[in-house]
Amino acid sequence: MPEQKRDIRTLTYAELGGLLEGLGQPRFRLAQLDEWVWRQAVTSFDEMTNLPKSLRSTLAERFVVGGTEEVARRTSGDGTRKYLLRLPDGTCVECVGMPSGPRLSVCVSTQAGCAMGCAFCATGRQGLERSLSGEEIFAQVAHVSADFAMRPTSVVLMGQGEPFANYDETLRGMRMLNAERGMGIGARHITVSTCGIVPMISRFANEPEQFTLAVSLHSAVQTTRNELMPGVRKFSLVHLHDVMHVYTEKTGRRPSYEYALIAGVNDTEPELESLMNFCGGTLCHVNLIQLNDVEGSPFRPSSPARAEAFVRALGSVGVQATIRRSRGGDIDAACGQLRHRVDS
């Protein structure tokens, strides 16, 4: 079995320089190669047109660029594109590109599958295959960027997986996206979403970058949240509330809570009152999401009128809330619908 080629993006700038020096290349080739690998985010050495063909061939014998293969792509009526990508070891993940005029938002996965087991999520039903590397997270964005021929204006790590269960590699991926050497996307335009892993939120509060934090809440009633999100059952709402207070005190940044409205489950009056109590008097924003359909799920979305009632009630206690319009629901690309099967 042939040895798996190394992704050239795993090399540091100094290692790239050493590689080229060892190949007898002039020093200016380093800046050219680095530009192609990171700023241009190409996926093939053949695209590096200002490098000698002999050098491109030598590099291709030893390395890959990103190493993703597009297995399938689906396009929504709203312009959203969902991709199923195969990584060099055969693992498949999904990511999504959402264009809006001159802007492009990309939703990426941090794991293949997920171990959190959220009751309303298609990914959670498949379990966890493995975590992704920072390079594999970056490669998803690069793939979408190349397909749209646009540099992304924002990235959300809200695809498959629990980012904070893969904390170090997730942060590496975010830093690659943020770095001038990488995509150069502003930290405030890179959002990571967690189910609420309390120790990692505490750690995240101490990171120097101004990345944006979103927490999947879905209920402020402990028993309901335990049923909906069994993977974070051990992290109580009391502890979550406390760590979010610490987070806002340390960073001064406004986190958001994701709340998928499920008819008869978390959209009742007692649930609304608990949500108002949880969020009231804190620095936060609530994103209300009308539940997206997942095949075989017993859950159904709340009505638009109920969503509007939540917005008004939260506003009455000084909490800003918006109803987030889902993108790509007709191609199973919306929140909670991503899977990693080849037949998806």
C-alpha atoms as a PDB file:
ATOM      1  CA  MET A   1       0.000   0.000   0.000  1.00  0.00           C
ATOM      2  CA  PRO A   2       1.533   3.358  -1.027  1.00  0.00           C
ATOM      3  CA  GLU A   3       2.449   5.753   1.745  1.00  0.00           C
ATOM      4  CA  GLN A   4      -0.142   8.497   2.295  1.00  0.00           C
ATOM      5  CA  LYS A   5       1.180  11.842   1.126  1.00  0.00           C
ATOM      6  CA  ARG A   6       1.507  14.639   3.652  1.00  0.00           C
ATOM      7  CA  ASP A   7      -0.648  17.750   3.368  1.00  0.00           C
ATOM      8  CA  ILE A   8       1.750  20.597   2.577  1.00  0.00           C
ATOM      9  CA  ARG A   9      -0.344  22.860   4.822  1.00  0.00           C
ATOM     10  CA  THR A  10       0.983  20.992   7.843  1.00  0.00           C
ATOM     11  CA  LEU A  11       4.430  22.497   7.179  1.00  0.00           C
ATOM     12  CA  THR A  12       5.418  25.674   8.991  1.00  0.00           C
ATOM     13  CA  TYR A  13       6.804  28.630   7.066  1.00  0.00           C
ATOM     14  CA  ALA A  14      10.320  27.659   8.176  1.00  0.00           C
ATOM     15  CA  GLU A  15       9.771  24.046   7.091  1.00  0.00           C
ATOM     16  CA  LEU A  16       8.562  25.209   3.680  1.00  0.00           C
ATOM     17  CA  GLY A  17      11.706  27.288   3.365  1.00  0.00           C
ATOM     18  CA  GLY A  18      13.884  24.324   4.308  1.00  0.00           C
ATOM     19  CA  LEU A  19      12.069  22.127   1.791  1.00  0.00           C
ATOM     20  CA  LEU A  20      12.667  24.562  -1.070  1.00  0.00           C
ATOM     21  CA  GLU A  21      16.267  25.145  -0.064  1.00  0.00           C
ATOM     22  CA  GLY A  22      16.838  21.400  -0.102  1.00  0.00           C
ATOM     23  CA  LEU A  23      15.436  21.313  -3.631  1.00  0.00           C
ATOM     24  CA  GLY A  24      17.880  24.001  -4.712  1.00  0.00           C
ATOM     25  CA  GLN A  25      15.200  26.629  -5.281  1.00  0.00           C
ATOM     26  CA  PRO A  26      15.857  30.399  -5.035  1.00  0.00           C
ATOM     27  CA  ARG A  27      14.572  32.167  -1.915  1.00  0.00           C
ATOM     28  CA  PHE A  28      11.755  34.018  -3.694  1.00  0.00           C
ATOM     29  CA  ARG A  29      10.015  30.693  -4.389  1.00  0.00           C
ATOM     30  CA  LEU A  30       9.063  30.498  -0.707  1.00  0.00           C
ATOM     31  CA  ALA A  31       6.819  33.571  -0.912  1.00  0.00           C
ATOM     32  CA  GLN A  32       5.281  32.280  -4.141  1.00  0.00           C
ATOM     33  CA  LEU A  33       4.554  28.824  -2.750  1.00  0.00           C
ATOM     34  CA  ASP A  34       3.213  30.196   0.519  1.00  0.00           C
ATOM     35  CA  GLU A  35       0.893  32.559  -1.388  1.00  0.00           C
ATOM     36  CA  TRP A  36      -0.571  29.684  -3.401  1.00  0.00           C
ATOM     37  CA  VAL A  37      -0.976  27.338  -0.443  1.00  0.00           C
ATOM     38  CA  TRP A  38      -2.596  29.823   1.928  1.00  0.00           C
ATOM     39  CA  ARG A  39      -3.803  33.080   0.400  1.00  0.00           C
ATOM     40  CA  GLN A  40      -4.927  31.572  -2.903  1.00  0.00           C
ATOM     41  CA  ALA A  41      -5.972  28.333  -1.185  1.00  0.00           C
ATOM     42  CA  VAL A  42      -5.513  26.249  -4.306  1.00  0.00           C
ATOM     43  CA  THR A  43      -6.128  22.504  -4.169  1.00  0.00           C
ATOM     44  CA  SER A  44      -3.599  21.343  -6.767  1.00  0.00           C
ATOM     45  CA  PHE A  45       0.058  22.036  -7.511  1.00  0.00           C
ATOM     46  CA  ASP A  46      -0.919  22.377 -11.188  1.00  0.00           C
ATOM     47  CA  GLU A  47      -2.650  25.640 -10.291  1.00  0.00           C
ATOM     48  CA  MET A  48       0.624  27.199  -9.094  1.00  0.00           C
ATOM     49  CA  THR A  49       1.343  28.651 -12.507  1.00  0.00           C
ATOM     50  CA  ASN A  50       4.343  30.812 -11.586  1.00  0.00           C
ATOM     51  CA  LEU A  51       6.294  27.821 -10.239  1.00  0.00           C
ATOM     52  CA  PRO A  52       8.451  25.766 -12.614  1.00  0.00           C
ATOM     53  CA  LYS A  53       6.712  22.646 -13.869  1.00  0.00           C
ATOM     54  CA  SER A  54       9.574  20.511 -12.561  1.00  0.00           C
ATOM     55  CA  LEU A  55       9.119  21.907  -9.050  1.00  0.00           C
ATOM     56  CA  ARG A  56       5.353  21.352  -9.190  1.00  0.00           C
ATOM     57  CA  SER A  57       5.918  17.739 -10.212  1.00  0.00           C
ATOM     58  CA  THR A  58       8.421  17.174  -7.400  1.00  0.00           C
ATOM     59  CA  LEU A  59       6.076  18.646  -4.813  1.00  0.00           C
ATOM     60  CA  ALA A  60       3.139  16.597  -6.129  1.00  0.00           C
ATOM     61  CA  GLU A  61       5.160  13.398  -5.707  1.00  0.00           C
ATOM     62  CA  ARG A  62       5.568  14.087  -1.976  1.00  0.00           C
ATOM     63  CA  PHE A  63       2.616  16.218  -0.906  1.00  0.00           C
ATOM     64  CA  VAL A  64      -1.040  17.042  -1.425  1.00  0.00           C
ATOM     65  CA  VAL A  65      -2.691  20.450  -1.058  1.00  0.00           C
ATOM     66  CA  GLY A  66      -5.654  20.056   1.261  1.00  0.00           C
ATOM     67  CA  GLY A  67      -6.266  16.525   0.072  1.00  0.00           C
ATOM     68  CA  THR A  68     -10.060  16.842  -0.236  1.00  0.00           C
ATOM     69  CA  GLU A  69     -12.085  15.173  -2.960  1.00  0.00           C
ATOM     70  CA  GLU A  70     -15.592  16.368  -3.752  1.00  0.00           C
ATOM     71  CA  VAL A  71     -17.871  13.339  -3.646  1.00  0.00           C
ATOM     72  CA  ALA A  72     -21.166  15.163  -4.075  1.00  0.00           C
ATOM     73  CA  ARG A  73     -22.582  18.659  -4.298  1.00  0.00           C
ATOM     74  CA  ARG A  74     -26.163  19.863  -4.040  1.00  0.00           C
ATOM     75  CA  THR A  75     -27.442  23.361  -4.796  1.00  0.00           C
ATOM     76  CA  SER A  76     -30.450  24.909  -3.053  1.00  0.00           C
ATOM     77  CA  GLY A  77     -33.020  27.175  -4.601  1.00  0.00           C
ATOM     78  CA  ASP A  78     -31.639  29.969  -2.418  1.00  0.00           C
ATOM     79  CA  GLY A  79     -28.114  29.548  -3.833  1.00  0.00           C
ATOM     80  CA  THR A  80     -26.722  27.584  -0.901  1.00  0.00           C
ATOM     81  CA  ARG A  81     -24.362  24.755  -1.853  1.00  0.00           C
ATOM     82  CA  LYS A  82     -23.734  21.672   0.277  1.00  0.00           C
ATOM     83  CA  TYR A  83     -20.619  19.598  -0.288  1.00  0.00           C
ATOM     84  CA  LEU A  84     -19.706  16.082   0.720  1.00  0.00           C
ATOM     85  CA  LEU A  85     -15.909  15.939   0.832  1.00  0.00           C
ATOM     86  CA  ARG A  86     -13.723  12.876   1.160  1.00  0.00           C
ATOM     87  CA  LEU A  87     -10.465  13.247   3.085  1.00  0.00           C
ATOM     88  CA  PRO A  88      -7.289  11.281   2.212  1.00  0.00           C
ATOM     89  CA  ASP A  89      -8.069   8.471   4.683  1.00  0.00           C
ATOM     90  CA  GLY A  90     -11.556   7.993   3.234  1.00  0.00           C
ATOM     91  CA  THR A  91     -13.404   9.898   5.966  1.00  0.00           C
ATOM     92  CA  CYS A  92     -16.257  12.037   4.621  1.00  0.00           C
ATOM     93  CA  VAL A  93     -17.539  15.343   5.977  1.00  0.00           C
ATOM     94  CA  GLU A  94     -20.069  17.939   4.881  1.00  0.00           C
ATOM     95  CA  CYS A  95     -19.713  21.700   4.633  1.00  0.00           C
ATOM     96  CA  VAL A  96     -21.929  24.451   3.269  1.00  0.00           C
ATOM     97  CA  GLY A  97     -21.451  27.683   1.324  1.00  0.00           C
ATOM     98  CA  MET A  98     -24.092  30.408   1.709  1.00  0.00           C
ATOM     99  CA  PRO A  99     -23.763  33.358  -0.695  1.00  0.00           C
ATOM    100  CA  SER A 100     -25.530  36.680  -0.169  1.00  0.00           C
ATOM    101  CA  GLY A 101     -24.651  39.300  -2.746  1.00  0.00           C
ATOM    102  CA  PRO A 102     -20.943  40.105  -2.380  1.00  0.00           C
ATOM    103  CA  ARG A 103     -20.686  38.086   0.848  1.00  0.00           C
ATOM    104  CA  LEU A 104     -20.024  34.406   1.350  1.00  0.00           C
ATOM    105  CA  SER A 105     -20.533  32.589   4.636  1.00  0.00           C
ATOM    106  CA  VAL A 106     -19.122  29.092   5.046  1.00  0.00           C
ATOM    107  CA  CYS A 107     -20.293  26.523   7.589  1.00  0.00           C
ATOM    108  CA  VAL A 108     -17.712  23.837   8.324  1.00  0.00           C
ATOM    109  CA  SER A 109     -17.441  20.654  10.353  1.00  0.00           C
ATOM    110  CA  THR A 110     -14.904  20.044  13.109  1.00  0.00           C
ATOM    111  CA  GLN A 111     -15.548  16.309  13.416  1.00  0.00           C
ATOM    112  CA  ALA A 112     -16.829  13.545  11.182  1.00  0.00           C
ATOM    113  CA  GLY A 113     -20.037  12.744  12.991  1.00  0.00           C
ATOM    114  CA  CYS A 114     -20.707  13.732  16.584  1.00  0.00           C
ATOM    115  CA  ALA A 115     -20.824  12.045  19.983  1.00  0.00           C
ATOM    116  CA  MET A 116     -23.215  14.532  21.623  1.00  0.00           C
ATOM    117  CA  GLY A 117     -26.343  12.654  20.559  1.00  0.00           C
ATOM    118  CA  CYS A 118     -28.689  15.660  20.384  1.00  0.00           C
ATOM    119  CA  ALA A 119     -32.177  14.272  19.843  1.00  0.00           C
ATOM    120  CA  PHE A 120     -33.135  16.623  17.012  1.00  0.00           C
ATOM    121  CA  CYS A 121     -29.862  16.445  15.016  1.00  0.00           C
ATOM    122  CA  ALA A 122     -29.131  14.150  12.062  1.00  0.00           C
ATOM    123  CA  THR A 123     -25.377  14.210  12.716  1.00  0.00           C
ATOM    124  CA  GLY A 124     -25.778  12.997  16.289  1.00  0.00           C
ATOM    125  CA  ARG A 125     -27.665   9.911  15.134  1.00  0.00           C
ATOM    126  CA  GLN A 126     -24.607   8.673  13.250  1.00  0.00           C
ATOM    127  CA  GLY A 127     -22.198   8.836  16.160  1.00  0.00           C
ATOM    128  CA  LEU A 128     -18.586  10.008  16.030  1.00  0.00           C
ATOM    129  CA  GLU A 129     -16.157   8.675  13.436  1.00  0.00           C
ATOM    130  CA  ARG A 130     -13.176  10.911  14.257  1.00  0.00           C
ATOM    131  CA  SER A 131     -12.073  14.477  14.918  1.00  0.00           C
ATOM    132  CA  LEU A 132     -10.637  16.638  12.137  1.00  0.00           C
ATOM    133  CA  SER A 133      -7.275  18.368  12.031  1.00  0.00           C
ATOM    134  CA  GLY A 134      -6.887  22.120  11.745  1.00  0.00           C
ATOM    135  CA  GLU A 135      -5.777  21.644   8.140  1.00  0.00           C
ATOM    136  CA  GLU A 136      -8.907  19.619   7.370  1.00  0.00           C
ATOM    137  CA  ILE A 137     -11.080  22.363   8.841  1.00  0.00           C
ATOM    138  CA  PHE A 138      -9.251  24.964   6.747  1.00  0.00           C
ATOM    139  CA  ALA A 139      -9.494  22.751   3.644  1.00  0.00           C
ATOM    140  CA  GLN A 140     -13.301  22.813   3.759  1.00  0.00           C
ATOM    141  CA  VAL A 141     -13.298  26.603   3.629  1.00  0.00           C
ATOM    142  CA  ALA A 142     -10.715  26.575   0.844  1.00  0.00           C
ATOM    143  CA  HIS A 143     -12.865  24.163  -1.178  1.00  0.00           C
ATOM    144  CA  VAL A 144     -15.994  26.293  -0.869  1.00  0.00           C
ATOM    145  CA  SER A 145     -14.043  29.468  -1.591  1.00  0.00           C
ATOM    146  CA  ALA A 146     -12.610  27.963  -4.786  1.00  0.00           C
ATOM    147  CA  ASP A 147     -16.010  26.707  -5.953  1.00  0.00           C
ATOM    148  CA  PHE A 148     -17.647  30.115  -5.530  1.00  0.00           C
ATOM    149  CA  ALA A 149     -14.501  31.954  -6.715  1.00  0.00           C
ATOM    150  CA  MET A 150     -15.005  34.227  -3.710  1.00  0.00           C
ATOM    151  CA  ARG A 151     -13.044  34.800  -0.531  1.00  0.00           C
ATOM    152  CA  PRO A 152     -15.336  34.023   2.433  1.00  0.00           C
ATOM    153  CA  THR A 153     -16.403  36.982   4.527  1.00  0.00           C
ATOM    154  CA  SER A 154     -17.381  34.824   7.496  1.00  0.00           C
ATOM    155  CA  VAL A 155     -17.012  31.271   8.756  1.00  0.00           C
ATOM    156  CA  VAL A 156     -19.167  29.439  11.275  1.00  0.00           C
ATOM    157  CA  LEU A 157     -17.952  26.225  12.881  1.00  0.00           C
ATOM    158  CA  MET A 158     -21.478  24.887  13.252  1.00  0.00           C
ATOM    159  CA  GLY A 159     -21.357  21.832  11.004  1.00  0.00           C
ATOM    160  CA  GLN A 160     -20.852  18.260  12.108  1.00  0.00           C
ATOM    161  CA  GLY A 161     -19.291  17.647  15.499  1.00  0.00           C
ATOM    162  CA  GLU A 162     -18.733  19.394  18.811  1.00  0.00           C
ATOM    163  CA  PRO A 163     -15.856  21.852  18.265  1.00  0.00           C
ATOM    164  CA  PHE A 164     -14.880  21.992  21.938  1.00  0.00           C
ATOM    165  CA  ALA A 165     -14.530  18.199  22.052  1.00  0.00           C
ATOM    166  CA  ASN A 166     -11.778  18.822  19.482  1.00  0.00           C
ATOM    167  CA  TYR A 167     -10.576  22.039  21.073  1.00  0.00           C
ATOM    168  CA  ASP A 168      -6.915  22.249  20.044  1.00  0.00           C
ATOM    169  CA  GLU A 169      -7.421  21.404  16.373  1.00  0.00           C
ATOM    170  CA  THR A 170     -10.532  23.572  16.151  1.00  0.00           C
ATOM    171  CA  LEU A 171      -8.557  26.526  17.477  1.00  0.00           C
ATOM    172  CA  ARG A 172      -5.703  25.758  15.052  1.00  0.00           C
ATOM    173  CA  GLY A 173      -8.169  25.791  12.176  1.00  0.00           C
ATOM    174  CA  MET A 174      -9.675  29.080  13.323  1.00  0.00           C
ATOM    175  CA  ARG A 175      -6.235  30.638  13.602  1.00  0.00           C
ATOM    176  CA  MET A 176      -5.339  29.477  10.088  1.00  0.00           C
ATOM    177  CA  LEU A 177      -8.512  31.114   8.788  1.00  0.00           C
ATOM    178  CA  ASN A 178      -7.759  34.303  10.707  1.00  0.00           C
ATOM    179  CA  ALA A 179      -4.041  34.556   9.882  1.00  0.00           C
ATOM    180  CA  GLU A 180      -2.862  36.914   7.160  1.00  0.00           C
ATOM    181  CA  ARG A 181      -0.875  33.956   5.860  1.00  0.00           C
ATOM    182  CA  GLY A 182      -4.146  32.016   5.732  1.00  0.00           C
ATOM    183  CA  MET A 183      -7.560  33.337   4.669  1.00  0.00           C
ATOM    184  CA  GLY A 184      -7.201  36.643   6.495  1.00  0.00           C
ATOM    185  CA  ILE A 185     -10.765  36.497   7.831  1.00  0.00           C
ATOM    186  CA  GLY A 186     -11.316  38.827  10.800  1.00  0.00           C
ATOM    187  CA  ALA A 187     -11.591  37.030  14.145  1.00  0.00           C
ATOM    188  CA  ARG A 188     -15.001  38.565  14.850  1.00  0.00           C
ATOM    189  CA  HIS A 189     -16.245  36.981  11.620  1.00  0.00           C
ATOM    190  CA  ILE A 190     -15.248  33.487  12.741  1.00  0.00           C
ATOM    191  CA  THR A 191     -17.839  31.908  15.043  1.00  0.00           C
ATOM    192  CA  VAL A 192     -17.478  28.665  16.954  1.00  0.00           C
ATOM    193  CA  SER A 193     -20.550  26.898  18.323  1.00  0.00           C
ATOM    194  CA  THR A 194     -20.501  24.580  21.321  1.00  0.00           C
ATOM    195  CA  CYS A 195     -23.175  22.517  23.039  1.00  0.00           C
ATOM    196  CA  GLY A 196     -21.902  23.985  26.301  1.00  0.00           C
ATOM    197  CA  ILE A 197     -18.745  22.183  27.408  1.00  0.00           C
ATOM    198  CA  VAL A 198     -18.094  24.344  30.443  1.00  0.00           C
ATOM    199  CA  PRO A 199     -14.334  23.785  30.990  1.00  0.00           C
ATOM    200  CA  MET A 200     -13.593  24.597  27.344  1.00  0.00           C
ATOM    201  CA  ILE A 201     -15.702  27.770  27.437  1.00  0.00           C
ATOM    202  CA  SER A 202     -13.616  28.845  30.410  1.00  0.00           C
ATOM    203  CA  ARG A 203     -10.448  28.099  28.440  1.00  0.00           C
ATOM    204  CA  PHE A 204     -11.782  29.883  25.350  1.00  0.00           C
ATOM    205  CA  ALA A 205     -12.338  33.042  27.404  1.00  0.00           C
ATOM    206  CA  ASN A 206      -8.554  33.287  27.825  1.00  0.00           C
ATOM    207  CA  GLU A 207      -7.633  33.050  24.142  1.00  0.00           C
ATOM    208  CA  PRO A 208      -6.198  36.296  22.753  1.00  0.00           C
ATOM    209  CA  GLU A 209      -8.230  36.449  19.529  1.00  0.00           C
ATOM    210  CA  GLN A 210     -11.657  38.072  19.350  1.00  0.00           C
ATOM    211  CA  PHE A 211     -13.394  35.031  17.936  1.00  0.00           C
ATOM    212  CA  THR A 212     -17.179  34.890  18.354  1.00  0.00           C
ATOM    213  CA  LEU A 213     -18.826  32.310  20.624  1.00  0.00           C
ATOM    214  CA  ALA A 214     -22.229  30.695  20.154  1.00  0.00           C
ATOM    215  CA  VAL A 215     -23.733  28.234  22.621  1.00  0.00           C
ATOM    216  CA  SER A 216     -26.414  25.736  21.622  1.00  0.00           C
ATOM    217  CA  LEU A 217     -28.889  26.139  24.481  1.00  0.00           C
ATOM    218  CA  HIS A 218     -32.233  24.829  23.192  1.00  0.00           C
ATOM    219  CA  SER A 219     -33.777  24.851  26.663  1.00  0.00           C
ATOM    220  CA  ALA A 220     -33.217  26.668  29.950  1.00  0.00           C
ATOM    221  CA  VAL A 221     -35.075  23.891  31.817  1.00  0.00           C
ATOM    222  CA  GLN A 222     -32.602  21.277  33.017  1.00  0.00           C
ATOM    223  CA  THR A 223     -34.815  18.236  32.481  1.00  0.00           C
ATOM    224  CA  THR A 224     -35.762  19.317  28.958  1.00  0.00           C
ATOM    225  CA  ARG A 225     -32.158  20.099  28.038  1.00  0.00           C
ATOM    226  CA  ASN A 226     -31.028  16.735  29.378  1.00  0.00           C
ATOM    227  CA  GLU A 227     -33.504  14.986  27.091  1.00  0.00           C
ATOM    228  CA  LEU A 228     -32.633  17.071  24.041  1.00  0.00           C
ATOM    229  CA  MET A 229     -28.866  17.220  24.611  1.00  0.00           C
ATOM    230  CA  PRO A 230     -27.706  14.144  26.551  1.00  0.00           C
ATOM    231  CA  GLY A 231     -24.067  14.712  25.622  1.00  0.00           C
ATOM    232  CA  VAL A 232     -23.786  17.751  27.917  1.00  0.00           C
ATOM    233  CA  ARG A 233     -25.982  16.423  30.717  1.00  0.00           C
ATOM    234  CA  LYS A 234     -23.061  16.607  33.163  1.00  0.00           C
ATOM    235  CA  PHE A 235     -22.658  20.349  32.586  1.00  0.00           C
ATOM    236  CA  SER A 236     -25.592  21.887  34.426  1.00  0.00           C
ATOM    237  CA  LEU A 237     -27.339  25.073  33.385  1.00  0.00           C
ATOM    238  CA  VAL A 238     -26.173  26.657  36.637  1.00  0.00           C
ATOM    239  CA  HIS A 239     -22.542  26.027  35.719  1.00  0.00           C
ATOM    240  CA  LEU A 240     -23.161  27.130  32.133  1.00  0.00           C
ATOM    241  CA  HIS A 241     -24.711  30.381  33.332  1.00  0.00           C
ATOM    242  CA  ASP A 242     -21.755  30.989  35.642  1.00  0.00           C
ATOM    243  CA  VAL A 243     -19.091  30.339  33.015  1.00  0.00           C
ATOM    244  CA  MET A 244     -20.859  32.548  30.481  1.00  0.00           C
ATOM    245  CA  HIS A 245     -20.785  35.370  33.034  1.00  0.00           C
ATOM    246  CA  VAL A 246     -17.040  34.818  33.406  1.00  0.00           C
ATOM    247  CA  TYR A 247     -16.664  34.747  29.620  1.00  0.00           C
ATOM    248  CA  THR A 248     -18.391  38.086  29.096  1.00  0.00           C
ATOM    249  CA  GLU A 249     -16.530  39.687  32.009  1.00  0.00           C
ATOM    250  CA  LYS A 250     -13.152  38.606  30.637  1.00  0.00           C
ATOM    251  CA  THR A 251     -13.757  39.287  26.958  1.00  0.00           C
ATOM    252  CA  GLY A 252     -16.366  42.036  26.874  1.00  0.00           C
ATOM    253  CA  ARG A 253     -17.861  40.216  23.879  1.00  0.00           C
ATOM    254  CA  ARG A 254     -21.517  39.353  23.364  1.00  0.00           C
ATOM    255  CA  PRO A 255     -22.070  35.589  22.951  1.00  0.00           C
ATOM    256  CA  SER A 256     -25.139  34.178  21.292  1.00  0.00           C
ATOM    257  CA  TYR A 257     -27.429  31.352  22.341  1.00  0.00           C
ATOM    258  CA  GLU A 258     -28.844  29.071  19.665  1.00  0.00           C
ATOM    259  CA  TYR A 259     -32.403  27.971  20.393  1.00  0.00           C
ATOM    260  CA  ALA A 260     -34.203  25.634  17.979  1.00  0.00           C
ATOM    261  CA  LEU A 261     -37.928  26.041  18.617  1.00  0.00           C
ATOM    262  CA  ILE A 262     -39.617  22.632  18.864  1.00  0.00           C
ATOM    263  CA  ALA A 263     -43.400  22.544  19.026  1.00  0.00           C
ATOM    264  CA  GLY A 264     -44.710  21.394  22.410  1.00  0.00           C
ATOM    265  CA  VAL A 265     -41.220  20.696  23.756  1.00  0.00           C
ATOM    266  CA  ASN A 266     -39.285  23.913  24.382  1.00  0.00           C
ATOM    267  CA  ASP A 267     -41.736  26.548  23.145  1.00  0.00           C
ATOM    268  CA  THR A 268     -44.184  26.402  26.068  1.00  0.00           C
ATOM    269  CA  GLU A 269     -44.819  29.253  28.497  1.00  0.00           C
ATOM    270  CA  PRO A 270     -42.757  27.638  31.315  1.00  0.00           C
ATOM    271  CA  GLU A 271     -39.884  27.133  28.868  1.00  0.00           C
ATOM    272  CA  LEU A 272     -40.111  30.750  27.725  1.00  0.00           C
ATOM    273  CA  GLU A 273     -40.134  32.025  31.303  1.00  0.00           C
ATOM    274  CA  SER A 274     -37.038  29.938  32.109  1.00  0.00           C
ATOM    275  CA  LEU A 275     -35.260  31.276  29.033  1.00  0.00           C
ATOM    276  CA  MET A 276     -36.080  34.854  30.042  1.00  0.00           C
ATOM    277  CA  ASN A 277     -34.711  34.188  33.540  1.00  0.00           C
ATOM    278  CA  PHE A 278     -31.557  32.541  32.164  1.00  0.00           C
ATOM    279  CA  CYS A 279     -30.748  35.355  29.738  1.00  0.00           C
ATOM    280  CA  GLY A 280     -32.179  38.380  31.518  1.00  0.00           C
ATOM    281  CA  GLY A 281     -29.593  40.792  32.875  1.00  0.00           C
ATOM    282  CA  THR A 282     -26.741  39.182  30.917  1.00  0.00           C
ATOM    283  CA  LEU A 283     -24.802  40.228  27.838  1.00  0.00           C
ATOM    284  CA  CYS A 284     -26.116  37.912  25.137  1.00  0.00           C
ATOM    285  CA  HIS A 285     -28.088  37.556  21.938  1.00  0.00           C
ATOM    286  CA  VAL A 286     -30.593  34.770  21.251  1.00  0.00           C
ATOM    287  CA  ASN A 287     -30.855  33.227  17.803  1.00  0.00           C
ATOM    288  CA  LEU A 288     -34.229  31.551  17.459  1.00  0.00           C
ATOM    289  CA  ILE A 289     -34.312  28.792  14.853  1.00  0.00           C
ATOM    290  CA  GLN A 290     -37.484  27.121  13.710  1.00  0.00           C
ATOM    291  CA  LEU A 291     -36.522  23.452  13.809  1.00  0.00           C
ATOM    292  CA  ASN A 292     -35.445  22.004  10.483  1.00  0.00           C
ATOM    293  CA  ASP A 293     -36.939  18.716   9.311  1.00  0.00           C
ATOM    294  CA  VAL A 294     -34.849  15.606   9.899  1.00  0.00           C
ATOM    295  CA  GLU A 295     -36.029  12.324   8.397  1.00  0.00           C
ATOM    296  CA  GLY A 296     -37.497  10.044  11.044  1.00  0.00           C
ATOM    297  CA  SER A 297     -37.526  12.700  13.763  1.00  0.00           C
ATOM    298  CA  PRO A 298     -40.610  12.935  16.000  1.00  0.00           C
ATOM    299  CA  PHE A 299     -40.055  16.681  16.481  1.00  0.00           C
ATOM    300  CA  ARG A 300     -41.789  19.448  14.573  1.00  0.00           C
ATOM    301  CA  PRO A 301     -40.993  23.168  14.327  1.00  0.00           C
ATOM    302  CA  SER A 302     -42.907  25.773  16.294  1.00  0.00           C
ATOM    303  CA  SER A 303     -45.164  28.137  14.397  1.00  0.00           C
ATOM    304  CA  PRO A 304     -43.881  31.515  13.132  1.00  0.00           C
ATOM    305  CA  ALA A 305     -46.306  33.193  15.528  1.00  0.00           C
ATOM    306  CA  ARG A 306     -44.739  31.368  18.469  1.00  0.00           C
ATOM    307  CA  ALA A 307     -41.279  32.426  17.350  1.00  0.00           C
ATOM    308  CA  GLU A 308     -42.420  36.051  17.219  1.00  0.00           C
ATOM    309  CA  ALA A 309     -43.858  35.703  20.726  1.00  0.00           C
ATOM    310  CA  PHE A 310     -40.425  34.580  21.969  1.00  0.00           C
ATOM    311  CA  VAL A 311     -38.797  37.627  20.366  1.00  0.00           C
ATOM    312  CA  ARG A 312     -41.247  39.998  22.063  1.00  0.00           C
ATOM    313  CA  ALA A 313     -41.005  38.315  25.463  1.00  0.00           C
ATOM    314  CA  LEU A 314     -37.194  38.286  25.459  1.00  0.00           C
ATOM    315  CA  GLY A 315     -37.145  41.899  24.346  1.00  0.00           C
ATOM    316  CA  SER A 316     -39.329  42.811  27.331  1.00  0.00           C
ATOM    317  CA  VAL A 317     -36.478  41.782  29.658  1.00  0.00           C
ATOM    318  CA  GLY A 318     -33.811  43.515  27.601  1.00  0.00           C
ATOM    319  CA  VAL A 319     -32.584  40.487  25.661  1.00  0.00           C
ATOM    320  CA  GLN A 320     -32.122  40.959  21.935  1.00  0.00           C
ATOM    321  CA  ALA A 321     -33.471  38.026  19.941  1.00  0.00           C
ATOM    322  CA  THR A 322     -33.823  37.387  16.237  1.00  0.00           C
ATOM    323  CA  ILE A 323     -35.405  34.645  14.180  1.00  0.00           C
ATOM    324  CA  ARG A 324     -32.675  33.166  12.044  1.00  0.00           C
ATOM    325  CA  ARG A 325     -33.676  32.286   8.527  1.00  0.00           C
ATOM    326  CA  SER A 326     -32.429  28.808   7.689  1.00  0.00           C
ATOM    327  CA  ARG A 327     -30.563  28.362   4.423  1.00  0.00           C
ATOM    328  CA  GLY A 328     -30.498  25.239   2.299  1.00  0.00           C
ATOM    329  CA  GLY A 329     -33.309  23.337   3.958  1.00  0.00           C
ATOM    330  CA  ASP A 330     -34.380  21.873   0.607  1.00  0.00           C
ATOM    331  CA  ILE A 331     -31.000  20.120   0.265  1.00  0.00           C
ATOM    332  CA  ASP A 332     -30.627  19.091   3.931  1.00  0.00           C
ATOM    333  CA  ALA A 333     -27.958  21.748   4.460  1.00  0.00           C
ATOM    334  CA  ALA A 334     -29.599  23.647   7.324  1.00  0.00           C
ATOM    335  CA  CYS A 335     -28.839  23.441  11.043  1.00  0.00           C
ATOM    336  CA  GLY A 336     -29.149  19.911  12.383  1.00  0.00           C
ATOM    337  CA  GLN A 337     -29.422  18.309   8.954  1.00  0.00           C
ATOM    338  CA  LEU A 338     -25.783  17.553   8.111  1.00  0.00           C
ATOM    339  CA  ARG A 339     -24.587  13.977   7.900  1.00  0.00           C
ATOM    340  CA  HIS A 340     -21.368  12.367   6.682  1.00  0.00           C
ATOM    341  CA  ARG A 341     -22.625   9.419   4.674  1.00  0.00           C
ATOM    342  CA  VAL A 342     -21.650   9.098   1.030  1.00  0.00           C
ATOM    343  CA  ASP A 343     -25.319   8.614   0.111  1.00  0.00           C
ATOM    344  CA  SER A 344     -26.360  11.928   1.701  1.00  0.00           C
END
